[in-house]
Amino acid sequence: MDEAAHYELGEGPEGGRRLALSGRLLISTIGAIEPDLRRLSGDIAVVDLSGVSEIDTVGAWVACRLADDHSARIEGAGEGARHLLDAVEGMAGEGIAEQRTPVWERVPVATGEKVFAARSGIIGVVGFFGQILLAFVTILLHPSRFPLRALVRQMELVGVAALPIIGLMSFLIGVVIAQQGAVQLEQFGAESLTINLVGRITLRELGVLMTAIMVAGRSGSAFAAQLGTMKLTEEIDAMRTIGISPVEALVLPRIMAATFMMVVLGFYASMVAIVGGAVVGQFGLGIPFFTFLERIQEVVPTYDLWVGLIKAPVFGLIVALAGCYHGMQVRGNSEEVGSRTTMAVVSAIFAVIVIDAFFAVFFTEIGWG
């Protein structure tokens, strides 16, 4: 028996051209003749299937498409072929791509979906923060349940292990601020004010802000990935089964460690940035190193230091909250871990920058500008 599919184009007995298909019209054989069939032009009156020995859905779809393209009728189909033709009839002419709604409808709908998703996310974060507060109260009422070892471990991971990279980043930021500030101030003969610029901007803004961004990318992503993986492997469900609260054992130590260590890291970053500025002053501006540091104490108000120290724990709380929340929301598969980790970092950085803007306005209004 012939295993291939064939076609023959000729004149019909009643006039008009007749396309006769024969052989096995299956997905495994139709590909040999389908390009030729697609290139056929001119009028075809009849698509003859009487010579077809076997047909599947793909073969029926090709036959229906030929009939639709050439306004032909199908003849000679057996009972089984007719069932398939009836099933795919009307589908052959449909486009493969889904028809898109107009942009003036699509954009408002997409915006509404984003707003609704943001609303749901805010409600979820508030509820999650409530769980953390309840866990904290429970720990205060039952001090023996305090996860001290987990807290110390997280403080090491968030704080101590981050000292080298944050120190290097802060030193280079101080160098850049001092060098670029000196270039601009030199036009006005005010190179000495570089000390004011480096001291105030690092203690008040960049020291804490850049540290928060670094912690979000380093520790916030780690929180989301760790908790998300534990959700997938059902370790968190197992903890609940044996009576251990995941919020107390996993989330609370991370929140407390990030909140406390951000104060230390923010102050450390500011000091290292000032040292970087002093190095530029020594070798680029002719200002002795220790003179630069002594001058910092005279030109930088004390409240600039307090501004940075007040913002630091808030930023740490935001970063840890975003990482833990998105990690606990992982569902389904491992791809969700990656997407939730990305969302944790992006939302944490966005929230930190927004809160920093509010802090800037607030401190200016109370006279700490």
Protein backbone atom coordinates (compact mmCIF):
# COMPACT_ATOMS: atom_id res chain seq x y z
CA MET A 1 0.00 0.00 0.00
CA ASP A 2 1.25 3.46 -0.90
CA GLU A 3 2.29 5.27 2.31
CA ALA A 4 2.59 8.73 0.70
CA ALA A 5 0.09 11.46 -0.07
CA HIS A 6 -0.49 12.53 -3.68
CA TYR A 7 -2.55 15.00 -5.62
CA GLU A 8 -3.59 15.38 -9.25
CA LEU A 9 -5.14 18.42 -10.87
CA GLY A 10 -7.31 17.91 -13.93
CA GLU A 11 -10.54 18.82 -15.66
CA GLY A 12 -13.80 17.61 -14.18
CA PRO A 13 -16.54 15.91 -16.24
CA GLU A 14 -18.92 18.81 -15.58
CA GLY A 15 -16.41 21.52 -16.37
CA GLY A 16 -14.09 23.27 -13.97
CA ARG A 17 -10.88 21.91 -12.57
CA ARG A 18 -10.86 18.93 -10.22
CA LEU A 19 -8.22 18.37 -7.51
CA ALA A 20 -7.94 14.70 -6.64
CA LEU A 21 -6.16 13.79 -3.39
CA SER A 22 -5.04 10.23 -2.82
CA GLY A 23 -2.99 8.09 -0.48
CA ARG A 24 -2.69 8.73 3.27
CA LEU A 25 -3.49 12.30 4.32
CA LEU A 26 -1.85 12.20 7.75
CA ILE A 27 0.27 14.62 9.72
CA SER A 28 3.30 12.45 8.90
CA THR A 29 2.72 12.47 5.13
CA ILE A 30 0.82 15.65 4.21
CA GLY A 31 3.95 17.80 4.58
CA ALA A 32 5.37 16.48 1.31
CA ILE A 33 2.58 17.98 -0.80
CA GLU A 34 1.24 20.78 1.41
CA PRO A 35 3.59 23.51 0.03
CA ASP A 36 2.53 22.62 -3.54
CA LEU A 37 -1.13 22.69 -2.58
CA ARG A 38 -0.69 26.10 -0.96
CA ARG A 39 0.78 27.49 -4.20
CA LEU A 40 -2.11 26.35 -6.40
CA SER A 41 -3.86 29.22 -8.13
CA GLY A 42 -6.96 29.62 -10.22
CA ASP A 43 -10.44 28.26 -9.77
CA ILE A 44 -10.98 24.72 -8.52
CA ALA A 45 -14.50 23.34 -8.63
CA VAL A 46 -14.11 20.04 -6.75
CA VAL A 47 -11.74 18.59 -4.14
CA ASP A 48 -12.00 14.81 -4.62
CA LEU A 49 -11.18 12.59 -1.62
CA SER A 50 -12.34 9.29 -3.10
CA GLY A 51 -8.75 8.11 -3.51
CA VAL A 52 -7.78 8.83 0.10
CA SER A 53 -7.07 5.63 2.02
CA GLU A 54 -6.52 7.20 5.46
CA ILE A 55 -7.04 10.68 6.87
CA ASP A 56 -6.55 12.45 10.21
CA THR A 57 -7.47 15.90 11.57
CA VAL A 58 -4.54 17.61 9.85
CA GLY A 59 -5.46 16.08 6.51
CA ALA A 60 -9.09 17.11 6.95
CA TRP A 61 -7.98 20.65 7.86
CA VAL A 62 -5.85 20.88 4.69
CA ALA A 63 -8.75 19.66 2.56
CA CYS A 64 -11.16 22.16 4.11
CA ARG A 65 -8.66 24.97 3.66
CA LEU A 66 -8.27 24.13 -0.03
CA ALA A 67 -12.04 24.11 -0.45
CA ASP A 68 -12.37 27.49 1.31
CA ASP A 69 -9.50 29.09 -0.59
CA HIS A 70 -10.87 28.08 -3.99
CA SER A 71 -14.61 28.07 -3.22
CA ALA A 72 -14.71 24.39 -4.11
CA ARG A 73 -16.90 21.56 -2.87
CA ILE A 74 -15.58 18.36 -1.30
CA GLU A 75 -16.65 15.04 -2.82
CA GLY A 76 -15.83 11.39 -2.35
CA ALA A 77 -15.24 11.54 1.42
CA GLY A 78 -15.90 8.36 3.38
CA GLU A 79 -17.90 8.25 6.60
CA GLY A 80 -14.87 8.67 8.86
CA ALA A 81 -13.45 11.45 6.72
CA ARG A 82 -16.80 13.23 6.74
CA HIS A 83 -16.86 13.29 10.56
CA LEU A 84 -13.42 14.91 10.60
CA LEU A 85 -14.39 17.38 7.89
CA ASP A 86 -17.49 18.39 9.83
CA ALA A 87 -15.37 18.86 12.97
CA VAL A 88 -12.84 21.18 11.35
CA GLU A 89 -15.25 22.93 9.00
CA GLY A 90 -15.13 26.68 9.55
CA MET A 91 -11.73 26.53 11.26
CA ALA A 92 -9.61 26.34 8.13
CA GLY A 93 -9.98 30.00 7.27
CA GLU A 94 -9.34 31.29 10.78
CA GLY A 95 -6.12 33.17 11.42
CA ILE A 96 -3.53 31.66 13.72
CA ALA A 97 -2.87 34.88 15.63
CA GLU A 98 -5.47 35.96 18.16
CA GLN A 99 -7.23 39.13 17.19
CA ARG A 100 -6.14 41.99 19.46
CA THR A 101 -8.50 44.53 20.86
CA PRO A 102 -7.95 48.18 19.89
CA VAL A 103 -5.30 50.05 21.83
CA TRP A 104 -7.84 52.50 23.30
CA GLU A 105 -9.53 49.52 24.93
CA ARG A 106 -6.43 47.50 25.73
CA VAL A 107 -4.54 50.23 27.62
CA PRO A 108 -7.34 51.14 30.09
CA VAL A 109 -8.02 47.46 30.76
CA ALA A 110 -4.34 46.74 31.39
CA THR A 111 -4.08 49.80 33.64
CA GLY A 112 -7.10 48.69 35.64
CA GLU A 113 -5.64 45.21 36.07
CA LYS A 114 -2.35 46.69 37.31
CA VAL A 115 -4.16 48.95 39.79
CA PHE A 116 -6.26 46.06 41.06
CA ALA A 117 -3.14 43.89 41.41
CA ALA A 118 -1.40 46.73 43.31
CA ARG A 119 -4.41 47.02 45.61
CA SER A 120 -4.31 43.29 46.31
CA GLY A 121 -0.57 43.47 46.91
CA ILE A 122 -0.91 46.31 49.42
CA ILE A 123 -3.60 44.40 51.30
CA GLY A 124 -1.38 41.31 51.31
CA VAL A 125 1.65 43.23 52.63
CA VAL A 126 -0.41 44.85 55.40
CA GLY A 127 -1.78 41.45 56.42
CA PHE A 128 1.71 39.94 56.36
CA PHE A 129 3.05 42.79 58.49
CA GLY A 130 0.22 42.12 60.94
CA GLN A 131 1.36 38.50 61.22
CA ILE A 132 4.89 39.71 61.99
CA LEU A 133 3.60 42.02 64.75
CA LEU A 134 1.58 39.17 66.29
CA ALA A 135 4.65 36.91 66.17
CA PHE A 136 6.73 39.64 67.83
CA VAL A 137 4.17 40.04 70.63
CA THR A 138 4.14 36.27 71.10
CA ILE A 139 7.92 36.25 71.43
CA LEU A 140 7.74 39.01 74.04
CA LEU A 141 5.19 37.01 76.03
CA HIS A 142 7.21 33.79 75.68
CA PRO A 143 10.92 34.76 75.60
CA SER A 144 12.02 31.12 75.55
CA ARG A 145 10.72 30.87 71.98
CA PHE A 146 12.99 33.67 70.77
CA PRO A 147 15.08 32.33 67.81
CA LEU A 148 18.39 33.75 69.04
CA ARG A 149 20.67 31.48 66.99
CA ALA A 150 18.71 32.20 63.81
CA LEU A 151 18.89 35.94 64.52
CA VAL A 152 22.67 35.87 65.04
CA ARG A 153 23.09 33.83 61.85
CA GLN A 154 21.02 36.29 59.82
CA MET A 155 22.88 39.25 61.32
CA GLU A 156 26.11 37.65 60.14
CA LEU A 157 24.75 37.06 56.63
CA VAL A 158 23.09 40.46 56.25
CA GLY A 159 25.68 42.58 58.02
CA VAL A 160 29.12 41.10 58.61
CA ALA A 161 29.33 39.31 55.24
CA ALA A 162 28.27 42.49 53.43
CA LEU A 163 30.98 44.73 54.95
CA PRO A 164 33.59 44.23 52.15
CA ILE A 165 31.30 44.96 49.19
CA ILE A 166 29.51 47.84 50.91
CA GLY A 167 32.83 49.29 52.04
CA LEU A 168 34.25 49.17 48.52
CA MET A 169 31.07 50.67 47.03
CA SER A 170 30.96 53.47 49.61
CA PHE A 171 34.65 54.30 49.22
CA LEU A 172 34.24 54.65 45.47
CA ILE A 173 31.10 56.76 45.90
CA GLY A 174 33.01 59.09 48.20
CA VAL A 175 35.82 59.34 45.65
CA VAL A 176 33.40 60.14 42.83
CA ILE A 177 31.46 62.75 44.83
CA ALA A 178 34.65 64.50 45.93
CA GLN A 179 36.25 64.45 42.48
CA GLN A 180 33.18 65.59 40.56
CA GLY A 181 32.20 68.12 43.21
CA ALA A 182 35.69 69.63 43.20
CA VAL A 183 35.59 69.99 39.40
CA GLN A 184 32.34 71.95 39.55
CA LEU A 185 33.23 74.04 42.61
CA GLU A 186 36.60 74.93 41.12
CA GLN A 187 34.79 77.16 38.62
CA PHE A 188 33.77 79.39 41.56
CA GLY A 189 37.03 79.10 43.49
CA ALA A 190 35.28 77.11 46.21
CA GLU A 191 37.17 73.80 46.19
CA SER A 192 37.21 73.82 50.00
CA LEU A 193 33.42 73.37 50.02
CA THR A 194 34.00 69.87 48.67
CA ILE A 195 34.30 68.85 52.32
CA ASN A 196 30.78 70.14 53.01
CA LEU A 197 29.44 68.36 49.94
CA VAL A 198 30.99 64.98 50.77
CA GLY A 199 30.10 65.11 54.45
CA ARG A 200 26.48 66.14 54.13
CA ILE A 201 25.46 64.10 51.12
CA THR A 202 27.01 60.86 52.41
CA LEU A 203 25.76 61.11 55.99
CA ARG A 204 22.32 62.36 55.04
CA GLU A 205 21.44 60.59 51.78
CA LEU A 206 23.77 58.46 49.70
CA GLY A 207 25.39 56.45 52.48
CA VAL A 208 22.12 54.96 53.71
CA LEU A 209 20.31 54.94 50.37
CA MET A 210 23.03 53.09 48.44
CA THR A 211 23.43 50.66 51.33
CA ALA A 212 19.70 49.92 51.26
CA ILE A 213 19.83 49.27 47.52
CA MET A 214 22.81 46.98 47.97
CA VAL A 215 21.11 45.09 50.81
CA ALA A 216 17.95 44.75 48.71
CA GLY A 217 19.90 43.17 45.86
CA ARG A 218 22.00 41.00 48.14
CA SER A 219 19.89 40.01 51.16
CA GLY A 220 16.35 40.84 50.03
CA SER A 221 16.72 38.55 47.01
CA ALA A 222 18.23 35.84 49.23
CA PHE A 223 15.25 36.02 51.62
CA ALA A 224 12.79 35.63 48.75
CA ALA A 225 14.70 32.75 47.15
CA GLN A 226 15.22 30.88 50.42
CA LEU A 227 11.63 31.12 51.62
CA GLY A 228 10.28 30.47 48.12
CA THR A 229 12.30 27.28 47.82
CA MET A 230 11.11 26.15 51.24
CA LYS A 231 7.54 26.73 50.12
CA LEU A 232 8.04 24.58 47.02
CA THR A 233 9.65 21.73 48.97
CA GLU A 234 6.81 21.93 51.55
CA GLU A 235 9.25 22.54 54.42
CA ILE A 236 7.09 25.44 55.65
CA ASP A 237 3.99 23.22 55.62
CA ALA A 238 5.93 20.60 57.57
CA MET A 239 6.87 23.25 60.17
CA ARG A 240 3.22 24.16 60.62
CA THR A 241 2.34 20.49 60.97
CA ILE A 242 4.71 19.98 63.90
CA GLY A 243 3.54 23.19 65.59
CA ILE A 244 6.33 25.62 64.63
CA SER A 245 5.29 29.04 63.38
CA PRO A 246 7.16 29.85 60.13
CA VAL A 247 6.78 33.57 60.83
CA GLU A 248 8.47 33.22 64.22
CA ALA A 249 11.19 30.82 63.08
CA LEU A 250 11.97 32.13 59.59
CA VAL A 251 10.55 35.60 58.96
CA LEU A 252 11.07 37.37 62.29
CA PRO A 253 14.85 36.71 62.53
CA ARG A 254 15.34 38.05 59.01
CA ILE A 255 13.24 41.15 59.67
CA MET A 256 15.05 41.94 62.93
CA ALA A 257 18.51 41.27 61.48
CA ALA A 258 17.97 43.49 58.44
CA THR A 259 16.43 46.29 60.52
CA PHE A 260 19.26 46.37 63.04
CA MET A 261 22.15 45.74 60.67
CA MET A 262 21.01 48.50 58.30
CA VAL A 263 21.82 51.01 61.03
CA VAL A 264 25.32 49.60 61.37
CA LEU A 265 25.87 49.27 57.62
CA GLY A 266 24.48 52.74 56.89
CA PHE A 267 26.81 54.39 59.43
CA TYR A 268 29.75 52.29 58.20
CA ALA A 269 29.04 53.21 54.57
CA SER A 270 28.90 56.92 55.40
CA MET A 271 32.21 56.80 57.26
CA VAL A 272 33.96 54.90 54.46
CA ALA A 273 32.58 57.34 51.87
CA ILE A 274 34.00 60.25 53.88
CA VAL A 275 37.37 58.48 53.95
CA GLY A 276 37.14 58.14 50.16
CA GLY A 277 36.51 61.86 49.88
CA ALA A 278 39.45 62.56 52.19
CA VAL A 279 41.73 60.47 49.95
CA VAL A 280 40.73 62.63 46.97
CA GLY A 281 41.31 65.72 49.08
CA GLN A 282 44.80 64.52 49.98
CA PHE A 283 45.95 63.66 46.46
CA GLY A 284 43.75 65.86 44.27
CA LEU A 285 42.89 69.02 46.18
CA GLY A 286 45.90 69.55 48.41
CA ILE A 287 43.79 69.19 51.58
CA PRO A 288 45.61 67.06 54.18
CA PHE A 289 43.80 63.83 55.07
CA PHE A 290 43.28 64.53 58.77
CA THR A 291 42.44 68.19 58.10
CA PHE A 292 39.64 66.95 55.84
CA LEU A 293 38.29 64.71 58.62
CA GLU A 294 38.54 67.45 61.26
CA ARG A 295 36.76 69.88 58.97
CA ILE A 296 33.92 67.38 58.51
CA GLN A 297 33.10 67.67 62.22
CA GLU A 298 32.85 71.46 61.92
CA VAL A 299 30.76 71.80 58.73
CA VAL A 300 28.36 68.85 59.04
CA PRO A 301 25.48 69.43 61.48
CA THR A 302 24.81 66.69 64.01
CA TYR A 303 21.26 66.28 62.78
CA ASP A 304 22.59 65.08 59.39
CA LEU A 305 23.94 62.04 61.21
CA TRP A 306 20.60 61.53 62.95
CA VAL A 307 18.74 61.79 59.65
CA GLY A 308 20.75 58.88 58.27
CA LEU A 309 20.40 56.82 61.45
CA ILE A 310 16.62 57.35 61.54
CA LYS A 311 16.16 56.34 57.92
CA ALA A 312 18.37 53.25 58.12
CA PRO A 313 16.12 50.94 60.20
CA VAL A 314 13.07 51.94 58.15
CA PHE A 315 14.88 51.03 54.94
CA GLY A 316 16.04 47.75 56.48
CA LEU A 317 12.48 46.89 57.49
CA ILE A 318 11.19 47.63 53.98
CA VAL A 319 13.86 45.49 52.30
CA ALA A 320 13.36 42.51 54.61
CA LEU A 321 9.56 42.80 54.48
CA ALA A 322 9.58 42.78 50.66
CA GLY A 323 11.93 39.80 50.49
CA CYS A 324 10.07 37.70 53.04
CA TYR A 325 6.61 38.58 51.71
CA HIS A 326 7.39 37.63 48.13
CA GLY A 327 9.18 34.48 49.25
CA MET A 328 6.11 33.36 51.20
CA GLN A 329 3.88 34.01 48.16
CA VAL A 330 5.62 31.46 45.92
CA ARG A 331 3.18 28.98 44.41
CA GLY A 332 3.31 26.29 41.78
CA ASN A 333 6.77 25.79 40.29
CA SER A 334 10.40 26.86 40.39
CA GLU A 335 9.83 29.60 37.82
CA GLU A 336 7.75 31.39 40.45
CA VAL A 337 10.83 31.56 42.71
CA GLY A 338 12.73 33.57 40.10
CA SER A 339 9.85 35.93 39.35
CA ARG A 340 9.12 36.52 43.04
CA THR A 341 12.79 37.18 43.75
CA THR A 342 12.86 39.78 41.01
CA MET A 343 9.66 41.36 42.35
CA ALA A 344 11.14 41.47 45.85
CA VAL A 345 14.23 43.41 44.73
CA VAL A 346 12.34 45.80 42.45
CA SER A 347 9.57 46.56 44.96
CA ALA A 348 12.06 47.03 47.80
CA ILE A 349 14.22 49.50 45.83
CA PHE A 350 11.15 51.37 44.61
CA ALA A 351 9.68 51.62 48.12
CA VAL A 352 13.01 52.75 49.60
CA ILE A 353 13.34 55.58 47.07
CA VAL A 354 9.74 56.71 47.61
CA ILE A 355 10.10 56.68 51.40
CA ASP A 356 13.41 58.53 51.09
CA ALA A 357 11.62 61.31 49.19
CA PHE A 358 9.03 61.58 51.98
CA PHE A 359 11.81 61.70 54.56
CA ALA A 360 13.53 64.51 52.63
CA VAL A 361 10.38 66.64 52.72
CA PHE A 362 9.64 65.77 56.36
CA PHE A 363 13.11 66.65 57.68
CA THR A 364 13.15 69.87 55.72
CA GLU A 365 9.80 70.88 57.23
CA ILE A 366 11.04 70.30 60.80
CA GLY A 367 14.17 72.39 60.18
CA TRP A 368 16.68 69.60 59.53
CA GLY A 369 17.18 70.62 55.91
